[in-house]
Amino acid sequence: MTDAAHMKQTVENYMKAVSTVDLDLIRDIYADNATVEDPVGSEPHEGIEAILKFYGAMKGMGVQLELTGNPRCAANAVAFPFQAKIGPITMEIIDVFEFDADGKVISMRAYWGPENRS
């Protein structure tokens, strides 16, 4: 099982990776067979290549992520609140990562909707 320190470090790495569109760091965070559902209810991105394409599309958008509260760890999962700033738009989001036995993110689900934009 992945420990809380590893999960919290992964969250920090994720904040950096998305804010800088560091696809090597994204690849390091996710398992090869991971899924990303952003937002929950949308069609998931399945597999590392689809995930890299999803994040790669953010290049040049100036996305900046910042934690707005402490990550909450339970079993093999961590939930964390953050803000995503994209130009004049700010979004309030909660992501949930689930980890596999190797400490890689196997599932990412992002909880946000139109009411979370300002």
Protein backbone atom coordinates (compact mmCIF):
# COMPACT_ATOMS: atom_id res chain seq x y z
CA MET A 1 0.00 0.00 0.00
CA THR A 2 1.15 3.52 -0.77
CA ASP A 3 1.85 5.64 2.31
CA ALA A 4 0.53 9.14 2.99
CA ALA A 5 3.93 10.78 2.46
CA HIS A 6 4.18 9.30 -1.05
CA MET A 7 0.63 10.34 -1.90
CA LYS A 8 1.21 13.92 -0.69
CA GLN A 9 4.47 14.14 -2.66
CA THR A 10 2.61 12.93 -5.76
CA VAL A 11 0.05 15.72 -5.27
CA GLU A 12 2.90 18.29 -5.05
CA ASN A 13 4.49 16.81 -8.18
CA TYR A 14 1.14 16.97 -9.96
CA MET A 15 0.67 20.67 -9.10
CA LYS A 16 4.11 21.37 -10.60
CA ALA A 17 3.69 19.07 -13.61
CA VAL A 18 0.39 20.57 -14.74
CA SER A 19 1.46 24.17 -14.06
CA THR A 20 4.59 23.68 -16.20
CA VAL A 21 3.10 21.10 -18.63
CA ASP A 22 5.97 18.76 -17.74
CA LEU A 23 4.91 15.64 -19.62
CA ASP A 24 7.86 13.60 -18.31
CA LEU A 25 6.68 14.24 -14.75
CA ILE A 26 3.08 13.44 -15.77
CA ARG A 27 4.33 10.12 -17.22
CA ASP A 28 6.15 9.44 -13.95
CA ILE A 29 3.00 10.07 -11.87
CA TYR A 30 0.59 7.85 -13.82
CA ALA A 31 0.53 4.10 -14.39
CA ASP A 32 0.61 3.01 -18.05
CA ASN A 33 -3.01 1.80 -17.83
CA ALA A 34 -4.35 4.73 -15.78
CA THR A 35 -7.57 6.64 -16.43
CA VAL A 36 -8.27 10.37 -16.11
CA GLU A 37 -11.90 11.53 -15.79
CA ASP A 38 -11.88 15.34 -15.90
CA PRO A 39 -14.54 16.31 -14.98
CA VAL A 40 -16.35 13.35 -13.46
CA GLY A 41 -19.07 12.28 -15.87
CA SER A 42 -17.01 13.00 -18.99
CA GLU A 43 -15.45 10.34 -21.22
CA PRO A 44 -12.31 9.06 -19.43
CA HIS A 45 -8.87 9.34 -21.03
CA GLU A 46 -7.57 5.76 -20.90
CA GLY A 47 -3.89 4.79 -21.00
CA ILE A 48 -0.73 6.86 -20.67
CA GLU A 49 -0.66 8.08 -24.29
CA ALA A 50 -4.23 9.46 -24.08
CA ILE A 51 -3.38 11.04 -20.71
CA LEU A 52 -0.24 12.71 -22.10
CA LYS A 53 -2.28 14.05 -25.03
CA PHE A 54 -4.88 15.45 -22.58
CA TYR A 55 -2.26 17.32 -20.52
CA GLY A 56 -0.19 18.26 -23.59
CA ALA A 57 -3.21 20.19 -24.91
CA MET A 58 -2.70 22.61 -21.98
CA LYS A 59 0.62 23.85 -23.40
CA GLY A 60 0.52 27.59 -23.95
CA MET A 61 -2.69 28.08 -21.92
CA GLY A 62 -0.84 29.31 -18.82
CA VAL A 63 -2.64 26.93 -16.45
CA GLN A 64 -1.52 27.45 -12.84
CA LEU A 65 -2.56 25.08 -10.06
CA GLU A 66 -2.42 25.87 -6.34
CA LEU A 67 -3.53 23.76 -3.39
CA THR A 68 -6.27 25.41 -1.30
CA GLY A 69 -6.29 22.85 1.51
CA ASN A 70 -4.44 19.84 2.85
CA PRO A 71 -4.59 16.55 0.91
CA ARG A 72 -6.71 13.89 2.62
CA CYS A 73 -5.30 10.37 2.46
CA ALA A 74 -7.27 7.17 3.04
CA ALA A 75 -6.25 3.61 2.09
CA ASN A 76 -4.78 3.84 -1.44
CA ALA A 77 -6.35 7.21 -2.30
CA VAL A 78 -5.84 10.93 -1.77
CA ALA A 79 -8.34 13.77 -2.30
CA PHE A 80 -7.16 17.35 -2.57
CA PRO A 81 -8.76 20.76 -3.16
CA PHE A 82 -7.08 23.26 -5.44
CA GLN A 83 -7.57 26.22 -7.73
CA ALA A 84 -6.82 26.15 -11.42
CA LYS A 85 -6.19 29.58 -12.91
CA ILE A 86 -6.40 29.87 -16.68
CA GLY A 87 -6.07 33.50 -17.69
CA PRO A 88 -8.96 35.42 -16.06
CA ILE A 89 -10.82 32.22 -15.11
CA THR A 90 -10.43 30.56 -11.70
CA MET A 91 -11.84 27.10 -11.09
CA GLU A 92 -12.28 25.40 -7.69
CA ILE A 93 -11.60 21.67 -8.11
CA ILE A 94 -11.25 18.56 -5.97
CA ASP A 95 -9.22 15.73 -7.49
CA VAL A 96 -9.10 12.15 -6.22
CA PHE A 97 -6.12 9.95 -7.05
CA GLU A 98 -6.17 6.19 -6.54
CA PHE A 99 -2.81 4.45 -6.46
CA ASP A 100 -1.74 0.99 -7.61
CA ALA A 101 0.64 -1.30 -5.69
CA ASP A 102 3.64 0.37 -7.38
CA GLY A 103 2.69 3.82 -6.07
CA LYS A 104 1.54 5.11 -9.46
CA VAL A 105 -1.78 6.90 -10.00
CA ILE A 106 -4.16 4.39 -11.59
CA SER A 107 -7.23 6.64 -11.50
CA MET A 108 -7.72 10.41 -11.39
CA ARG A 109 -11.20 11.88 -11.05
CA ALA A 110 -11.73 15.65 -11.06
CA TYR A 111 -14.82 17.05 -9.34
CA TRP A 112 -15.93 20.43 -10.71
CA GLY A 113 -18.79 21.98 -12.61
CA PRO A 114 -19.91 25.31 -14.08
CA GLU A 115 -20.76 26.62 -10.59
CA ASN A 116 -17.07 26.24 -9.62
CA ARG A 117 -15.86 28.82 -12.18
CA SER A 118 -15.35 32.50 -11.56
